[in-house]
Amino acid sequence: MLRNQNERLADGVESTSASLQADPLTFLAEDHMRQREICAMLHMVASQPYPEFRSMGMSLAYLRHEFLLHNADERVVLFPMMVRRCEKEDEIGLIIDRLLRDHETAEVQAQRICHILDSIMEAGDAPNDKDRAELKGFAGRCQRYLILENAIILRLARVRLDEDDLATLTRKMLLRRGLIEPNQAGQEER
């Protein structure tokens, strides 16, 4: 089933504008901004004496859906393209290896963060010290790797990727989000 390009996620979490997928690197940069906002919300939840349910709900919606889509865009499509297109002197392999490890760790941690947020919302209590540390640790990890992605990966991608690469990235992103049918994407994998 195709999603409407203007569709919004539940709990007020707005997906990055699908129209930006015409420029997939801008789309990814905008998604990085959203992820930074979620990290700020997680820091706020961890720092406040009482839970703020709207921030927790928005964080849960993002982590359960958009976070995984975004990471797949990078891990499955963008990073392999970068390895193929970058010059040896770019030393992109080392950076991507680190980012792949960071993504893998963050995806595992995101499951735990969702569990923590669900528990806090159900109990209506403030997070305990261990949960506060996990919320802050997860947010900090994501913020650190976003710096690498913005400062190096996206900037280098704008120089190294050609129009065909960007068109492929766009098609795969649209397919992953259910915005085009598989036959419109050349039967490419999700």
Protein backbone atom coordinates (compact mmCIF):
# COMPACT_ATOMS: atom_id res chain seq x y z
CA MET A 1 0.00 0.00 0.00
CA LEU A 2 1.39 3.39 -0.95
CA ARG A 3 1.64 6.08 1.69
CA ASN A 4 0.53 9.61 0.99
CA GLN A 5 3.61 11.81 0.57
CA ASN A 6 2.17 14.28 3.07
CA GLU A 7 1.36 11.63 5.69
CA ARG A 8 2.39 12.39 9.26
CA LEU A 9 3.29 9.92 11.94
CA ALA A 10 1.17 9.48 15.04
CA ASP A 11 1.80 11.60 18.12
CA GLY A 12 2.69 14.68 16.09
CA VAL A 13 6.06 13.44 14.87
CA GLU A 14 6.30 14.88 11.41
CA SER A 15 8.23 12.91 8.85
CA THR A 16 10.80 14.83 6.91
CA SER A 17 9.05 16.19 3.84
CA ALA A 18 8.82 13.49 1.21
CA SER A 19 9.29 16.17 -1.43
CA LEU A 20 12.89 16.47 -0.26
CA GLN A 21 13.53 12.99 -1.60
CA ALA A 22 14.09 14.61 -4.97
CA ASP A 23 17.36 15.66 -3.31
CA PRO A 24 18.15 12.63 -1.14
CA LEU A 25 21.18 14.21 0.52
CA THR A 26 19.10 17.15 1.71
CA PHE A 27 16.48 14.65 2.88
CA LEU A 28 19.13 12.82 4.94
CA ALA A 29 20.44 16.10 6.37
CA GLU A 30 16.90 17.09 7.41
CA ASP A 31 16.44 13.67 9.01
CA HIS A 32 19.67 14.28 10.94
CA MET A 33 18.11 17.45 12.31
CA ARG A 34 15.04 15.49 13.39
CA GLN A 35 17.23 12.90 15.08
CA ARG A 36 19.06 15.68 16.94
CA GLU A 37 15.68 16.98 18.14
CA ILE A 38 14.76 13.51 19.39
CA CYS A 39 18.12 13.30 21.20
CA ALA A 40 17.37 16.64 22.86
CA MET A 41 13.98 15.31 23.95
CA LEU A 42 15.60 12.19 25.42
CA HIS A 43 18.05 14.37 27.36
CA MET A 44 15.08 16.39 28.63
CA VAL A 45 13.20 13.25 29.72
CA ALA A 46 16.32 12.04 31.52
CA SER A 47 16.86 15.39 33.23
CA GLN A 48 13.38 16.35 34.39
CA PRO A 49 11.94 15.30 37.75
CA TYR A 50 8.63 14.29 36.14
CA PRO A 51 8.07 12.55 32.80
CA GLU A 52 6.98 14.66 29.87
CA PHE A 53 4.66 12.33 27.97
CA ARG A 54 4.50 14.25 24.68
CA SER A 55 8.30 14.11 24.27
CA MET A 56 8.35 10.43 25.16
CA GLY A 57 5.55 9.66 22.69
CA MET A 58 7.27 11.57 19.90
CA SER A 59 10.57 9.84 20.68
CA LEU A 60 8.93 6.41 20.64
CA ALA A 61 7.22 7.08 17.30
CA TYR A 62 10.49 8.23 15.76
CA LEU A 63 12.61 5.40 17.14
CA ARG A 64 10.16 2.69 16.12
CA HIS A 65 9.79 3.87 12.55
CA GLU A 66 11.81 6.74 11.06
CA PHE A 67 15.06 5.93 12.89
CA LEU A 68 15.19 2.45 11.36
CA LEU A 69 14.29 3.70 7.87
CA HIS A 70 16.95 6.39 8.03
CA ASN A 71 19.64 4.00 9.22
CA ALA A 72 18.74 1.56 6.43
CA ASP A 73 18.99 4.38 3.86
CA GLU A 74 22.55 4.99 4.98
CA ARG A 75 23.69 1.45 5.76
CA VAL A 76 22.18 -0.32 2.73
CA VAL A 77 22.46 2.35 0.04
CA LEU A 78 24.48 5.47 0.84
CA PHE A 79 27.49 3.93 2.61
CA PRO A 80 28.13 1.27 -0.09
CA MET A 81 27.82 3.98 -2.77
CA MET A 82 30.35 6.09 -0.91
CA VAL A 83 32.81 3.20 -0.72
CA ARG A 84 32.48 2.68 -4.49
CA ARG A 85 32.71 6.36 -5.45
CA CYS A 86 35.22 7.86 -3.05
CA GLU A 87 38.88 8.24 -3.85
CA LYS A 88 41.53 6.40 -1.88
CA GLU A 89 42.71 9.64 -0.27
CA ASP A 90 39.18 10.19 1.12
CA GLU A 91 39.82 7.27 3.51
CA ILE A 92 36.06 6.78 3.65
CA GLY A 93 36.30 3.09 4.55
CA LEU A 94 37.50 3.78 8.08
CA ILE A 95 34.76 6.31 8.72
CA ILE A 96 32.04 4.07 7.32
CA ASP A 97 33.27 1.09 9.34
CA ARG A 98 32.96 3.19 12.48
CA LEU A 99 29.52 4.47 11.48
CA LEU A 100 28.29 0.95 10.74
CA ARG A 101 29.34 -0.15 14.23
CA ASP A 102 27.70 2.93 15.72
CA HIS A 103 24.46 2.30 13.80
CA GLU A 104 24.37 -1.33 14.86
CA THR A 105 24.89 -0.40 18.51
CA ALA A 106 22.33 2.43 18.30
CA GLU A 107 19.67 0.17 16.78
CA VAL A 108 20.10 -2.34 19.62
CA GLN A 109 20.08 0.47 22.18
CA ALA A 110 16.98 2.01 20.56
CA GLN A 111 15.01 -1.10 21.46
CA ARG A 112 16.05 -0.69 25.08
CA ILE A 113 15.25 3.04 24.99
CA CYS A 114 11.75 2.26 23.68
CA HIS A 115 11.28 -0.22 26.53
CA ILE A 116 12.43 2.39 29.06
CA LEU A 117 10.08 5.03 27.64
CA ASP A 118 7.15 2.60 27.56
CA SER A 119 7.82 1.67 31.20
CA ILE A 120 8.05 5.30 32.32
CA MET A 121 4.82 6.18 30.52
CA GLU A 122 3.01 3.17 31.94
CA ALA A 123 4.15 3.81 35.52
CA GLY A 124 3.85 7.60 35.28
CA ASP A 125 7.06 7.94 37.30
CA ALA A 126 10.33 9.66 36.58
CA PRO A 127 13.08 7.44 35.18
CA ASN A 128 15.42 5.83 37.68
CA ASP A 129 19.14 6.64 37.66
CA LYS A 130 20.02 3.66 35.43
CA ASP A 131 17.35 4.61 32.90
CA ARG A 132 18.46 8.25 32.94
CA ALA A 133 22.01 7.15 32.16
CA GLU A 134 20.83 4.93 29.29
CA LEU A 135 18.69 7.70 27.80
CA LYS A 136 21.58 10.16 27.95
CA GLY A 137 24.09 7.58 26.69
CA PHE A 138 21.96 6.71 23.67
CA ALA A 139 21.33 10.36 22.81
CA GLY A 140 25.02 11.18 23.17
CA ARG A 141 26.08 8.29 20.92
CA CYS A 142 23.65 9.37 18.21
CA GLN A 143 24.72 13.01 18.46
CA ARG A 144 28.38 12.01 18.04
CA TYR A 145 27.88 9.94 14.92
CA LEU A 146 25.59 12.57 13.41
CA ILE A 147 28.54 14.95 13.55
CA LEU A 148 30.57 12.57 11.35
CA GLU A 149 27.68 12.02 8.99
CA ASN A 150 27.02 15.74 8.52
CA ALA A 151 30.60 16.95 8.46
CA ILE A 152 32.13 14.22 6.34
CA ILE A 153 29.70 11.76 4.73
CA LEU A 154 27.10 14.18 3.37
CA ARG A 155 29.66 16.77 2.29
CA LEU A 156 31.75 14.18 0.49
CA ALA A 157 28.64 12.59 -1.02
CA ARG A 158 27.75 15.90 -2.66
CA VAL A 159 31.13 15.81 -4.40
CA ARG A 160 31.53 12.10 -5.19
CA LEU A 161 28.03 10.84 -6.07
CA ASP A 162 26.76 11.41 -9.57
CA GLU A 163 23.20 11.97 -10.81
CA ASP A 164 22.60 8.25 -11.35
CA ASP A 165 23.73 7.50 -7.78
CA LEU A 166 21.39 10.15 -6.40
CA ALA A 167 18.49 8.86 -8.53
CA THR A 168 19.12 5.33 -7.23
CA LEU A 169 19.29 6.57 -3.66
CA THR A 170 16.01 8.45 -4.13
CA ARG A 171 14.23 5.42 -5.63
CA LYS A 172 15.38 3.15 -2.84
CA MET A 173 14.34 5.65 -0.17
CA LEU A 174 10.90 6.06 -1.75
CA LEU A 175 10.48 2.30 -2.01
CA ARG A 176 11.53 1.75 1.61
CA ARG A 177 8.85 4.24 2.73
CA GLY A 178 6.15 2.73 0.56
CA LEU A 179 5.89 5.89 -1.57
CA ILE A 180 6.41 4.02 -4.84
CA GLU A 181 5.59 0.50 -5.97
CA PRO A 182 8.46 -1.97 -6.48
CA ASN A 183 7.94 -1.96 -10.26
CA GLN A 184 8.55 1.82 -10.19
CA ALA A 185 11.90 1.21 -8.54
CA GLY A 186 13.11 -1.37 -11.02
CA GLN A 187 12.30 -4.28 -8.66
CA GLU A 188 15.02 -3.10 -6.27
CA GLU A 189 15.25 -4.61 -2.83
CA ARG A 190 13.84 -2.89 0.18
